[in-house]
Amino acid sequence: MCGVPYHAAEGYIARLIRAGFKIAICDQMEQPGPAAKNSFAEKSVRVITPGTATDVALLDTLRENNFLASIAKHASGSPVG
């Protein structure tokens, strides 16, 4: 899905997250030139997955938890945190 207006994106993102999809949000970095009507440079600025959604609008805070865990191992093999 592309070309979603900014003011409508939140509703679409919430619906896609609840369906289990991953979302990459991209910004247009330049204006399309006359030779390439449908081609322009984009840059990915944010990736949202069901496990990393932290925006209150994306979560049903009254009925669901969103747990996130991380494990890091030191280069020497210990400690682990």
C-alpha atoms as a PDB file:
ATOM      1  CA  MET A   1       0.000   0.000   0.000  1.00  0.00           C
ATOM      2  CA  CYS A   2       1.472   3.358  -0.871  1.00  0.00           C
ATOM      3  CA  GLY A   3       0.415   6.937  -1.239  1.00  0.00           C
ATOM      4  CA  VAL A   4      -1.644   7.002   1.962  1.00  0.00           C
ATOM      5  CA  PRO A   5      -2.399  10.552   3.135  1.00  0.00           C
ATOM      6  CA  TYR A   6      -0.641  11.402   6.394  1.00  0.00           C
ATOM      7  CA  HIS A   7      -3.874  12.195   8.246  1.00  0.00           C
ATOM      8  CA  ALA A   8      -5.360   8.785   7.337  1.00  0.00           C
ATOM      9  CA  ALA A   9      -2.247   6.655   7.917  1.00  0.00           C
ATOM     10  CA  GLU A  10      -2.845   5.980  11.631  1.00  0.00           C
ATOM     11  CA  GLY A  11      -6.091   4.091  10.996  1.00  0.00           C
ATOM     12  CA  TYR A  12      -4.552   1.990   8.219  1.00  0.00           C
ATOM     13  CA  ILE A  13      -1.455   1.227  10.294  1.00  0.00           C
ATOM     14  CA  ALA A  14      -3.567   0.102  13.277  1.00  0.00           C
ATOM     15  CA  ARG A  15      -5.661  -2.159  11.049  1.00  0.00           C
ATOM     16  CA  LEU A  16      -2.583  -3.739   9.437  1.00  0.00           C
ATOM     17  CA  ILE A  17      -0.821  -4.261  12.792  1.00  0.00           C
ATOM     18  CA  ARG A  18      -3.896  -6.010  14.228  1.00  0.00           C
ATOM     19  CA  ALA A  19      -3.908  -8.273  11.143  1.00  0.00           C
ATOM     20  CA  GLY A  20      -0.270  -9.240  11.894  1.00  0.00           C
ATOM     21  CA  PHE A  21       1.447  -7.382   9.046  1.00  0.00           C
ATOM     22  CA  LYS A  22       4.805  -5.603   9.187  1.00  0.00           C
ATOM     23  CA  ILE A  23       4.875  -2.016   7.945  1.00  0.00           C
ATOM     24  CA  ALA A  24       7.715   0.070   6.526  1.00  0.00           C
ATOM     25  CA  ILE A  25       7.101   3.801   6.437  1.00  0.00           C
ATOM     26  CA  CYS A  26       9.036   5.629   3.725  1.00  0.00           C
ATOM     27  CA  ASP A  27       9.533   9.292   2.918  1.00  0.00           C
ATOM     28  CA  GLN A  28       9.854  10.651  -0.592  1.00  0.00           C
ATOM     29  CA  MET A  29      13.361  12.126  -0.841  1.00  0.00           C
ATOM     30  CA  GLU A  30      13.011  14.014  -4.129  1.00  0.00           C
ATOM     31  CA  GLN A  31      10.398  15.217  -6.534  1.00  0.00           C
ATOM     32  CA  PRO A  32       9.802  12.942  -9.533  1.00  0.00           C
ATOM     33  CA  GLY A  33      11.388  14.263 -12.696  1.00  0.00           C
ATOM     34  CA  PRO A  34       9.593  14.695 -16.011  1.00  0.00           C
ATOM     35  CA  ALA A  35      11.377  11.671 -17.535  1.00  0.00           C
ATOM     36  CA  ALA A  36      10.398   9.307 -14.703  1.00  0.00           C
ATOM     37  CA  LYS A  37       6.756  10.039 -13.931  1.00  0.00           C
ATOM     38  CA  ASN A  38       6.297   7.220 -11.407  1.00  0.00           C
ATOM     39  CA  SER A  39       9.846   6.854 -10.095  1.00  0.00           C
ATOM     40  CA  PHE A  40      11.520   8.769  -7.298  1.00  0.00           C
ATOM     41  CA  ALA A  41      13.932   8.098  -4.444  1.00  0.00           C
ATOM     42  CA  GLU A  42      12.461   6.941  -1.137  1.00  0.00           C
ATOM     43  CA  LYS A  43      14.021   6.332   2.250  1.00  0.00           C
ATOM     44  CA  SER A  44      12.656   3.940   4.871  1.00  0.00           C
ATOM     45  CA  VAL A  45      12.273   5.931   8.083  1.00  0.00           C
ATOM     46  CA  ARG A  46      10.407   3.536  10.375  1.00  0.00           C
ATOM     47  CA  VAL A  47       9.492  -0.147  10.558  1.00  0.00           C
ATOM     48  CA  ILE A  48       6.519  -1.201  12.672  1.00  0.00           C
ATOM     49  CA  THR A  49       5.754  -4.829  13.543  1.00  0.00           C
ATOM     50  CA  PRO A  50       3.103  -6.241  15.870  1.00  0.00           C
ATOM     51  CA  GLY A  51       5.824  -6.855  18.489  1.00  0.00           C
ATOM     52  CA  THR A  52       7.337  -3.383  18.334  1.00  0.00           C
ATOM     53  CA  ALA A  53       4.177  -1.280  18.162  1.00  0.00           C
ATOM     54  CA  THR A  54       4.360   1.202  21.045  1.00  0.00           C
ATOM     55  CA  ASP A  55       1.991   3.945  19.941  1.00  0.00           C
ATOM     56  CA  VAL A  56      -1.127   4.027  22.113  1.00  0.00           C
ATOM     57  CA  ALA A  57      -3.279   4.373  18.993  1.00  0.00           C
ATOM     58  CA  LEU A  58      -1.962   1.017  17.725  1.00  0.00           C
ATOM     59  CA  LEU A  59      -2.629  -0.907  20.931  1.00  0.00           C
ATOM     60  CA  ASP A  60      -5.856  -1.774  22.657  1.00  0.00           C
ATOM     61  CA  THR A  61      -4.512  -0.801  26.078  1.00  0.00           C
ATOM     62  CA  LEU A  62      -7.553  -2.073  27.957  1.00  0.00           C
ATOM     63  CA  ARG A  63      -7.555  -5.603  26.529  1.00  0.00           C
ATOM     64  CA  GLU A  64      -4.079  -6.571  25.396  1.00  0.00           C
ATOM     65  CA  ASN A  65      -0.450  -6.559  26.519  1.00  0.00           C
ATOM     66  CA  ASN A  66       2.465  -5.955  24.205  1.00  0.00           C
ATOM     67  CA  PHE A  67       5.568  -7.582  25.657  1.00  0.00           C
ATOM     68  CA  LEU A  68       9.024  -7.037  24.187  1.00  0.00           C
ATOM     69  CA  ALA A  69      12.214  -8.768  25.339  1.00  0.00           C
ATOM     70  CA  SER A  70      15.848  -8.433  24.405  1.00  0.00           C
ATOM     71  CA  ILE A  71      18.955 -10.501  25.137  1.00  0.00           C
ATOM     72  CA  ALA A  72      22.492  -9.221  24.677  1.00  0.00           C
ATOM     73  CA  LYS A  73      25.671 -11.274  24.909  1.00  0.00           C
ATOM     74  CA  HIS A  74      29.027  -9.640  25.533  1.00  0.00           C
ATOM     75  CA  ALA A  75      31.742 -10.337  22.928  1.00  0.00           C
ATOM     76  CA  SER A  76      33.794 -12.240  25.516  1.00  0.00           C
ATOM     77  CA  GLY A  77      30.937 -14.666  26.132  1.00  0.00           C
ATOM     78  CA  SER A  78      29.788 -13.304  29.449  1.00  0.00           C
ATOM     79  CA  PRO A  79      27.849 -11.575  30.920  1.00  0.00           C
ATOM     80  CA  VAL A  80      24.451 -11.982  29.328  1.00  0.00           C
ATOM     81  CA  GLY A  81      21.765  -9.438  29.997  1.00  0.00           C
END
